[in-house]
C-alpha atoms as a PDB file:
ATOM      1  CA  MET A   1     -11.560  12.075  -5.732  1.00  0.00           C
ATOM      2  CA  ALA A   2     -12.135  15.483  -7.262  1.00  0.00           C
ATOM      3  CA  GLU A   3     -15.724  16.631  -6.755  1.00  0.00           C
ATOM      4  CA  LYS A   4     -15.511  20.228  -7.939  1.00  0.00           C
ATOM      5  CA  VAL A   5     -12.017  21.281  -9.000  1.00  0.00           C
ATOM      6  CA  PRO A   6     -12.425  23.719 -11.914  1.00  0.00           C
ATOM      7  CA  ASP A   7      -9.970  23.476 -14.822  1.00  0.00           C
ATOM      8  CA  VAL A   8      -8.256  20.416 -13.293  1.00  0.00           C
ATOM      9  CA  ALA A   9     -10.564  17.395 -13.212  1.00  0.00           C
ATOM     10  CA  PRO A  10     -14.158  16.512 -14.085  1.00  0.00           C
ATOM     11  CA  PRO A  11     -16.548  15.675 -11.212  1.00  0.00           C
ATOM     12  CA  ASP A  12     -15.909  12.275  -9.583  1.00  0.00           C
ATOM     13  CA  GLN A  13     -12.475  11.951 -11.211  1.00  0.00           C
ATOM     14  CA  ILE A  14     -10.204   9.623  -9.213  1.00  0.00           C
ATOM     15  CA  ILE A  15      -6.940  11.484  -8.625  1.00  0.00           C
ATOM     16  CA  ASP A  16      -5.201   8.937  -6.403  1.00  0.00           C
ATOM     17  CA  GLU A  17      -5.890   5.666  -4.623  1.00  0.00           C
ATOM     18  CA  ALA A  18      -4.323   3.392  -2.033  1.00  0.00           C
ATOM     19  CA  THR A  19      -5.080  -0.002  -0.515  1.00  0.00           C
ATOM     20  CA  GLY A  20      -4.692  -1.129   3.077  1.00  0.00           C
ATOM     21  CA  LEU A  21      -4.996  -4.625   4.529  1.00  0.00           C
ATOM     22  CA  ALA A  22      -6.363  -5.336   8.016  1.00  0.00           C
ATOM     23  CA  ASP A  23      -5.083  -8.539   9.592  1.00  0.00           C
ATOM     24  CA  ASN A  24      -8.144  -8.975  11.850  1.00  0.00           C
ATOM     25  CA  PRO A  25     -11.693  -7.542  12.193  1.00  0.00           C
ATOM     26  CA  ASP A  26     -10.714  -5.262  15.122  1.00  0.00           C
ATOM     27  CA  ALA A  27      -7.631  -3.774  13.436  1.00  0.00           C
ATOM     28  CA  HIS A  28      -7.181   0.004  13.245  1.00  0.00           C
ATOM     29  CA  GLY A  29      -5.275   1.995  10.697  1.00  0.00           C
ATOM     30  CA  PHE A  30      -4.654   5.419   9.259  1.00  0.00           C
ATOM     31  CA  PHE A  31      -3.976   7.010   5.911  1.00  0.00           C
ATOM     32  CA  THR A  32      -1.967  10.079   5.020  1.00  0.00           C
ATOM     33  CA  LEU A  33      -2.246  12.213   1.941  1.00  0.00           C
ATOM     34  CA  SER A  34       0.897  14.101   0.976  1.00  0.00           C
ATOM     35  CA  ARG A  35       0.772  17.598  -0.465  1.00  0.00           C
ATOM     36  CA  PRO A  36       1.551  17.591  -4.199  1.00  0.00           C
ATOM     37  CA  ALA A  37       4.803  19.335  -5.205  1.00  0.00           C
ATOM     38  CA  ASP A  38       2.841  22.216  -6.749  1.00  0.00           C
ATOM     39  CA  GLY A  39       0.341  22.332  -3.852  1.00  0.00           C
ATOM     40  CA  TRP A  40      -3.315  21.421  -3.853  1.00  0.00           C
ATOM     41  CA  THR A  41      -5.559  23.061  -6.420  1.00  0.00           C
ATOM     42  CA  PRO A  42      -8.397  24.840  -4.590  1.00  0.00           C
ATOM     43  CA  GLY A  43     -11.686  22.987  -4.841  1.00  0.00           C
ATOM     44  CA  ASP A  44     -13.881  20.301  -3.308  1.00  0.00           C
ATOM     45  CA  TYR A  45     -12.473  16.806  -2.862  1.00  0.00           C
ATOM     46  CA  ARG A  46     -13.813  13.547  -1.398  1.00  0.00           C
ATOM     47  CA  VAL A  47     -12.038  10.548   0.097  1.00  0.00           C
ATOM     48  CA  ASP A  48     -14.023   7.310  -0.289  1.00  0.00           C
ATOM     49  CA  PHE A  49     -13.475   4.300   1.970  1.00  0.00           C
ATOM     50  CA  TYR A  50     -14.325   0.835   0.677  1.00  0.00           C
ATOM     51  CA  LEU A  51     -14.516  -2.565   2.306  1.00  0.00           C
ATOM     52  CA  GLY A  52     -13.930  -4.836  -0.640  1.00  0.00           C
ATOM     53  CA  THR A  53     -16.121  -3.317  -3.339  1.00  0.00           C
ATOM     54  CA  GLU A  54     -18.647  -1.741  -0.922  1.00  0.00           C
ATOM     55  CA  LEU A  55     -18.445   2.000  -0.204  1.00  0.00           C
ATOM     56  CA  ILE A  56     -18.633   2.188   3.601  1.00  0.00           C
ATOM     57  CA  ASP A  57     -17.792   5.837   4.351  1.00  0.00           C
ATOM     58  CA  PHE A  58     -16.406   9.048   2.894  1.00  0.00           C
ATOM     59  CA  ALA A  59     -14.877  12.341   4.010  1.00  0.00           C
ATOM     60  CA  LYS A  60     -15.267  15.664   2.199  1.00  0.00           C
ATOM     61  CA  VAL A  61     -12.355  18.104   2.017  1.00  0.00           C
ATOM     62  CA  LYS A  62     -12.380  21.718   0.804  1.00  0.00           C
ATOM     63  CA  ILE A  63      -9.082  23.300  -0.231  1.00  0.00           C
ATOM     64  CA  THR A  64      -9.049  27.115  -0.265  1.00  0.00           C
ATOM     65  CA  LYS A  65      -6.338  29.631  -1.079  1.00  0.00           C
END
C-alpha cells in the first residue's frame, strides 16, 4: 500500500495484493515482493497482513534513492 508516494499514488492506495492459505493454525509462511521493472518509486509504503477480514499486523517500508 502506498502511504506517501508523491506523483504516483494517493495515500492508502493499494498497489498490489496477494493471498496465502495456511493448512493448520501453527503453519508458517513467507511473502516476497519483486522489484518492479522500472524500480521502486521513492516514498513510504506499508504492507498490511489480514486474517480473514481482520487487520492483524503491518510493516512499514521506506524506499530512498
